[in-house]
Amino acid sequence: MKVVRIDEVKGWEAFPGVRGRVPLTGDRVTLFYVEVEPGGVVPEHSHPHEQMGICLKGKAEFMGGGEKKIVEAGMLYYFPSNEVHSLRVIGDEPGIFLDIFSPPREEYIEKQRSIEENP
């Protein structure tokens, strides 16, 4: 078993105004904790991983599959493999999201290892 405190996991800039950290990863899944400043954007992108998550705080406009949806704290979301998607935080508070990827996001895991080994 492994237990971590999110505030003890070092973060890194994924995009301008977007900080991420990998608190846990396994053989088949990666957790990615994301903090986005008010007005911050995760630009349009896609990846071969399935992605699902929960909005823990704030509100954001998610775009994916040709649709726009408002996601608020307590709401869950899902993007299938290779679906082009993005998000923009709306309102005055940051957005905090916990994303789950399968298979694991090797590039995020490597980035996390790198910042932990070289502070």
Protein backbone atom coordinates (compact mmCIF):
# COMPACT_ATOMS: atom_id res chain seq x y z
CA MET A 1 0.00 0.00 0.00
CA LYS A 2 1.06 3.58 -0.63
CA VAL A 3 -0.48 6.68 0.94
CA VAL A 4 0.54 10.25 0.05
CA ARG A 5 -0.45 13.78 1.03
CA ILE A 6 -1.07 15.83 -2.10
CA ASP A 7 0.60 18.91 -0.58
CA GLU A 8 3.83 16.90 -0.18
CA VAL A 9 4.02 15.98 -3.88
CA LYS A 10 6.06 18.47 -5.90
CA GLY A 11 4.27 20.17 -8.77
CA TRP A 12 5.47 21.31 -12.19
CA GLU A 13 4.18 23.57 -14.96
CA ALA A 14 2.32 21.53 -17.57
CA PHE A 15 1.21 24.65 -19.52
CA PRO A 16 1.36 28.36 -18.62
CA GLY A 17 -0.92 28.82 -15.61
CA VAL A 18 -1.41 25.06 -15.26
CA ARG A 19 0.43 23.06 -12.60
CA GLY A 20 0.33 19.29 -12.40
CA ARG A 21 1.67 16.51 -10.24
CA VAL A 22 1.52 12.73 -10.28
CA PRO A 23 0.70 11.68 -6.72
CA LEU A 24 0.24 7.98 -7.59
CA THR A 25 0.75 5.68 -10.54
CA GLY A 26 0.40 1.96 -11.05
CA ASP A 27 0.82 -0.67 -13.73
CA ARG A 28 -2.40 0.33 -15.52
CA VAL A 29 -3.42 3.79 -14.30
CA THR A 30 -1.95 7.22 -13.46
CA LEU A 31 -3.49 9.88 -11.22
CA PHE A 32 -2.72 13.46 -12.28
CA TYR A 33 -3.64 16.32 -9.92
CA VAL A 34 -4.07 19.56 -11.86
CA GLU A 35 -4.38 23.15 -10.63
CA VAL A 36 -5.40 25.79 -13.18
CA GLU A 37 -5.38 29.49 -12.37
CA PRO A 38 -8.50 31.58 -13.06
CA GLY A 39 -8.76 32.08 -16.82
CA GLY A 40 -6.11 29.39 -17.37
CA VAL A 41 -6.29 27.14 -20.39
CA VAL A 42 -5.27 23.57 -21.15
CA PRO A 43 -4.92 23.88 -24.92
CA GLU A 44 -6.57 21.57 -27.42
CA HIS A 45 -4.78 18.22 -27.55
CA SER A 46 -5.33 14.47 -27.77
CA HIS A 47 -3.55 11.35 -26.56
CA PRO A 48 -4.01 7.58 -26.85
CA HIS A 49 -4.93 7.32 -23.14
CA GLU A 50 -8.47 7.14 -21.83
CA GLN A 51 -8.99 10.04 -19.42
CA MET A 52 -11.56 10.54 -16.74
CA GLY A 53 -11.62 12.74 -13.70
CA ILE A 54 -13.40 14.87 -11.17
CA CYS A 55 -13.50 18.61 -10.67
CA LEU A 56 -12.57 19.18 -7.03
CA LYS A 57 -12.83 22.98 -7.03
CA GLY A 58 -13.88 25.78 -9.36
CA LYS A 59 -15.61 25.78 -12.71
CA ALA A 60 -14.36 25.19 -16.25
CA GLU A 61 -15.60 25.02 -19.80
CA PHE A 62 -14.58 21.65 -21.23
CA MET A 63 -14.49 21.09 -24.98
CA GLY A 64 -14.44 17.61 -26.45
CA GLY A 65 -16.13 15.56 -29.12
CA GLY A 66 -17.46 18.71 -30.77
CA GLU A 67 -19.29 19.77 -27.58
CA LYS A 68 -18.79 22.37 -24.85
CA LYS A 69 -19.84 21.58 -21.28
CA ILE A 70 -19.54 23.47 -18.02
CA VAL A 71 -17.95 21.32 -15.31
CA GLU A 72 -18.10 22.37 -11.65
CA ALA A 73 -16.85 20.98 -8.35
CA GLY A 74 -18.26 17.50 -7.78
CA MET A 75 -18.81 16.75 -11.47
CA LEU A 76 -17.06 13.92 -13.32
CA TYR A 77 -15.88 13.79 -16.95
CA TYR A 78 -14.53 11.31 -19.49
CA PHE A 79 -12.57 11.57 -22.76
CA PRO A 80 -12.07 8.45 -24.86
CA SER A 81 -8.71 7.65 -26.44
CA ASN A 82 -7.60 10.14 -29.11
CA GLU A 83 -10.52 12.54 -28.62
CA VAL A 84 -9.40 16.15 -29.12
CA HIS A 85 -10.22 18.16 -25.97
CA SER A 86 -9.35 21.28 -23.97
CA LEU A 87 -10.53 23.31 -21.00
CA ARG A 88 -10.69 26.89 -19.79
CA VAL A 89 -11.26 27.79 -16.14
CA ILE A 90 -14.04 30.34 -15.74
CA GLY A 91 -14.79 32.49 -12.72
CA ASP A 92 -12.53 34.00 -10.09
CA GLU A 93 -11.23 30.88 -8.38
CA PRO A 94 -8.71 28.32 -9.59
CA GLY A 95 -9.84 25.01 -10.97
CA ILE A 96 -8.57 21.84 -9.31
CA PHE A 97 -9.02 18.51 -11.08
CA LEU A 98 -7.99 14.93 -10.44
CA ASP A 99 -7.44 13.14 -13.76
CA ILE A 100 -7.13 9.40 -14.18
CA PHE A 101 -5.32 8.02 -17.22
CA SER A 102 -5.13 4.51 -18.59
CA PRO A 103 -2.68 3.29 -19.68
CA PRO A 104 -0.24 5.25 -17.49
CA ARG A 105 1.06 8.60 -18.79
CA GLU A 106 4.73 7.70 -19.05
CA GLU A 107 5.80 11.27 -19.93
CA TYR A 108 4.07 12.63 -16.80
CA ILE A 109 5.59 9.90 -14.63
CA GLU A 110 9.07 10.69 -16.00
CA LYS A 111 8.59 14.44 -15.43
CA GLN A 112 7.50 13.77 -11.84
CA ARG A 113 10.52 11.54 -11.21
CA SER A 114 12.79 14.19 -12.68
CA ILE A 115 11.58 17.01 -10.43
CA GLU A 116 11.70 14.81 -7.34
CA GLU A 117 15.27 13.73 -8.08
CA ASN A 118 16.45 17.23 -9.12
CA PRO A 119 14.64 19.84 -7.02
